[in-house]
Amino acid sequence: MKPKLVEAMSPLAKIEADLDALFREGKPIRREFGDGNRLHIDRPLPFLCVHVGSQQDTAFQIVSANASYLIATESDLAGEVARLVA
């Protein structure tokens, strides 16, 4: 098992636990967190499509049509979540 990357009280701790379950049990992740942030992973894949911003434009729709994607309102948050997924 990988060492924990976030503090236990962090809002990202639940995402990290979900990722552990995904890799251990093969379960999908569909987690909404914060205001307008979403992590969606159907199965372990070698990519994560990322959209940063609050507009639901064409780029948002293209990203959210994939089996593995992250919608984040801030680039710092997107980087933290992507680091957990990697």
C-alpha atoms as a PDB file:
ATOM      1  CA  MET A   1       0.000   0.000   0.000  1.00  0.00           C
ATOM      2  CA  LYS A   2       1.237   3.519  -0.832  1.00  0.00           C
ATOM      3  CA  PRO A   3       2.084   5.902   2.009  1.00  0.00           C
ATOM      4  CA  LYS A   4      -0.621   8.474   2.743  1.00  0.00           C
ATOM      5  CA  LEU A   5      -0.038  11.776   0.959  1.00  0.00           C
ATOM      6  CA  VAL A   6      -2.569  14.005   2.752  1.00  0.00           C
ATOM      7  CA  GLU A   7      -3.446  14.774   6.351  1.00  0.00           C
ATOM      8  CA  ALA A   8      -6.304  12.695   7.802  1.00  0.00           C
ATOM      9  CA  MET A   9      -8.465  15.796   8.356  1.00  0.00           C
ATOM     10  CA  SER A  10      -7.934  17.127   4.821  1.00  0.00           C
ATOM     11  CA  PRO A  11     -10.919  17.201   2.439  1.00  0.00           C
ATOM     12  CA  LEU A  12      -8.730  15.206   0.057  1.00  0.00           C
ATOM     13  CA  ALA A  13      -8.409  12.346   2.573  1.00  0.00           C
ATOM     14  CA  LYS A  14     -11.712  10.833   1.378  1.00  0.00           C
ATOM     15  CA  ILE A  15     -10.495  10.942  -2.217  1.00  0.00           C
ATOM     16  CA  GLU A  16      -7.274   9.208  -1.189  1.00  0.00           C
ATOM     17  CA  ALA A  17      -9.298   6.487   0.583  1.00  0.00           C
ATOM     18  CA  ASP A  18     -11.482   6.107  -2.520  1.00  0.00           C
ATOM     19  CA  LEU A  19      -8.365   5.691  -4.666  1.00  0.00           C
ATOM     20  CA  ASP A  20      -7.068   2.999  -2.330  1.00  0.00           C
ATOM     21  CA  ALA A  21     -10.388   1.127  -2.717  1.00  0.00           C
ATOM     22  CA  LEU A  22     -10.301   1.542  -6.498  1.00  0.00           C
ATOM     23  CA  PHE A  23      -6.867  -0.025  -6.794  1.00  0.00           C
ATOM     24  CA  ARG A  24      -7.535  -2.704  -4.184  1.00  0.00           C
ATOM     25  CA  GLU A  25     -11.085  -3.718  -5.191  1.00  0.00           C
ATOM     26  CA  GLY A  26     -11.503  -2.314  -8.692  1.00  0.00           C
ATOM     27  CA  LYS A  27     -14.420  -0.078  -7.662  1.00  0.00           C
ATOM     28  CA  PRO A  28     -15.163   3.134  -9.598  1.00  0.00           C
ATOM     29  CA  ILE A  29     -14.847   6.579  -8.042  1.00  0.00           C
ATOM     30  CA  ARG A  30     -17.501   9.229  -8.447  1.00  0.00           C
ATOM     31  CA  ARG A  31     -16.748  11.909  -5.879  1.00  0.00           C
ATOM     32  CA  GLU A  32     -18.046  15.481  -5.836  1.00  0.00           C
ATOM     33  CA  PHE A  33     -16.256  17.786  -3.413  1.00  0.00           C
ATOM     34  CA  GLY A  34     -16.168  21.479  -2.720  1.00  0.00           C
ATOM     35  CA  ASP A  35     -18.142  23.763  -4.987  1.00  0.00           C
ATOM     36  CA  GLY A  36     -18.220  22.339  -8.499  1.00  0.00           C
ATOM     37  CA  ASN A  37     -15.317  19.883  -8.208  1.00  0.00           C
ATOM     38  CA  ARG A  38     -15.670  16.283  -9.338  1.00  0.00           C
ATOM     39  CA  LEU A  39     -13.401  13.247  -9.669  1.00  0.00           C
ATOM     40  CA  HIS A  40     -14.696  10.422 -11.871  1.00  0.00           C
ATOM     41  CA  ILE A  41     -12.658   7.268 -12.504  1.00  0.00           C
ATOM     42  CA  ASP A  42     -14.413   4.198 -13.917  1.00  0.00           C
ATOM     43  CA  ARG A  43     -11.341   1.961 -13.669  1.00  0.00           C
ATOM     44  CA  PRO A  44      -7.568   2.357 -13.448  1.00  0.00           C
ATOM     45  CA  LEU A  45      -6.421   4.018 -16.680  1.00  0.00           C
ATOM     46  CA  PRO A  46      -3.092   5.540 -17.764  1.00  0.00           C
ATOM     47  CA  PHE A  47      -4.630   9.027 -18.095  1.00  0.00           C
ATOM     48  CA  LEU A  48      -6.745  11.590 -16.262  1.00  0.00           C
ATOM     49  CA  CYS A  49      -8.479  14.278 -18.323  1.00  0.00           C
ATOM     50  CA  VAL A  50      -8.602  17.572 -16.412  1.00  0.00           C
ATOM     51  CA  HIS A  51     -10.765  20.676 -16.805  1.00  0.00           C
ATOM     52  CA  VAL A  52      -9.988  23.706 -14.649  1.00  0.00           C
ATOM     53  CA  GLY A  53     -12.616  26.425 -14.428  1.00  0.00           C
ATOM     54  CA  SER A  54     -16.234  26.953 -13.540  1.00  0.00           C
ATOM     55  CA  GLN A  55     -17.692  27.328 -17.038  1.00  0.00           C
ATOM     56  CA  GLN A  56     -19.449  24.343 -18.544  1.00  0.00           C
ATOM     57  CA  ASP A  57     -18.158  24.995 -22.035  1.00  0.00           C
ATOM     58  CA  THR A  58     -17.170  22.640 -24.841  1.00  0.00           C
ATOM     59  CA  ALA A  59     -13.889  21.740 -23.123  1.00  0.00           C
ATOM     60  CA  PHE A  60     -15.831  20.803 -19.976  1.00  0.00           C
ATOM     61  CA  GLN A  61     -18.111  18.525 -21.989  1.00  0.00           C
ATOM     62  CA  ILE A  62     -15.208  16.872 -23.813  1.00  0.00           C
ATOM     63  CA  VAL A  63     -13.367  16.170 -20.553  1.00  0.00           C
ATOM     64  CA  SER A  64     -16.462  14.865 -18.746  1.00  0.00           C
ATOM     65  CA  ALA A  65     -17.203  12.435 -21.589  1.00  0.00           C
ATOM     66  CA  ASN A  66     -14.107  10.388 -20.667  1.00  0.00           C
ATOM     67  CA  ALA A  67     -13.860   7.385 -18.351  1.00  0.00           C
ATOM     68  CA  SER A  68     -11.293   9.135 -16.154  1.00  0.00           C
ATOM     69  CA  TYR A  69     -11.644  12.863 -15.486  1.00  0.00           C
ATOM     70  CA  LEU A  70     -11.286  15.650 -12.966  1.00  0.00           C
ATOM     71  CA  ILE A  71     -13.291  18.863 -12.956  1.00  0.00           C
ATOM     72  CA  ALA A  72     -11.713  21.474 -10.669  1.00  0.00           C
ATOM     73  CA  THR A  73     -12.484  25.137 -10.125  1.00  0.00           C
ATOM     74  CA  GLU A  74      -8.873  25.987  -9.188  1.00  0.00           C
ATOM     75  CA  SER A  75      -5.580  24.862 -10.704  1.00  0.00           C
ATOM     76  CA  ASP A  76      -3.949  24.318  -7.278  1.00  0.00           C
ATOM     77  CA  LEU A  77      -6.705  21.889  -6.308  1.00  0.00           C
ATOM     78  CA  ALA A  78      -6.436  20.134  -9.678  1.00  0.00           C
ATOM     79  CA  GLY A  79      -2.716  19.640  -9.076  1.00  0.00           C
ATOM     80  CA  GLU A  80      -3.259  18.190  -5.599  1.00  0.00           C
ATOM     81  CA  VAL A  81      -5.906  15.724  -6.787  1.00  0.00           C
ATOM     82  CA  ALA A  82      -3.864  14.744  -9.862  1.00  0.00           C
ATOM     83  CA  ARG A  83      -0.898  14.048  -7.552  1.00  0.00           C
ATOM     84  CA  LEU A  84      -3.098  11.681  -5.522  1.00  0.00           C
ATOM     85  CA  VAL A  85      -4.277   9.867  -8.644  1.00  0.00           C
ATOM     86  CA  ALA A  86      -0.746   9.458 -10.030  1.00  0.00           C
END
